[in-house]
Amino acid sequence: MYSLIFLSRLRLEVKFEVVKINRIEIVRQEVSQEIEKRVEILI
């Protein structure tokens, strides 16, 4: 029983980490797109 609870908790933590990483990636992509737009405007 204890191991099941532990496993589910671990899974949740892993999911949170994955979500964090995905958010960071999305933000990075948005930032790079913004930079590209501004660079195009400058050129």
Protein backbone atom coordinates (compact mmCIF):
# COMPACT_ATOMS: atom_id res chain seq x y z
CA MET A 1 0.00 0.00 0.00
CA TYR A 2 2.72 2.42 1.01
CA SER A 3 4.68 1.76 -2.17
CA LEU A 4 1.61 2.51 -4.28
CA ILE A 5 1.17 5.89 -2.63
CA PHE A 6 4.85 6.59 -3.05
CA LEU A 7 4.74 5.66 -6.75
CA SER A 8 1.73 7.84 -7.47
CA ARG A 9 3.40 10.75 -5.70
CA LEU A 10 6.54 10.23 -7.76
CA ARG A 11 4.47 10.16 -10.93
CA LEU A 12 2.81 13.44 -10.01
CA GLU A 13 6.17 15.06 -9.36
CA VAL A 14 7.46 13.86 -12.71
CA LYS A 15 4.36 15.25 -14.43
CA PHE A 16 4.92 18.62 -12.78
CA GLU A 17 8.54 18.64 -13.92
CA VAL A 18 7.50 17.81 -17.48
CA VAL A 19 4.88 20.57 -17.44
CA LYS A 20 7.48 23.06 -16.16
CA ILE A 21 9.92 22.06 -18.90
CA ASN A 22 7.20 22.35 -21.56
CA ARG A 23 6.24 25.82 -20.31
CA ILE A 24 9.86 26.93 -20.41
CA GLU A 25 10.16 25.66 -23.99
CA ILE A 26 6.96 27.44 -25.05
CA VAL A 27 8.14 30.69 -23.49
CA ARG A 28 11.51 30.33 -25.23
CA GLN A 29 9.84 29.85 -28.58
CA GLU A 30 7.61 32.87 -28.06
CA VAL A 31 10.58 35.00 -27.03
CA SER A 32 12.62 33.91 -30.04
CA GLN A 33 9.68 34.70 -32.34
CA GLU A 34 9.37 38.16 -30.80
CA ILE A 35 13.10 38.75 -31.28
CA GLU A 36 12.85 37.67 -34.92
CA LYS A 37 9.95 40.07 -35.53
CA ARG A 38 11.85 42.98 -33.99
CA VAL A 39 14.96 42.13 -35.96
CA GLU A 40 12.92 42.11 -39.18
CA ILE A 41 11.49 45.52 -38.27
CA LEU A 42 15.00 46.85 -37.60
CA ILE A 43 16.29 45.52 -40.92
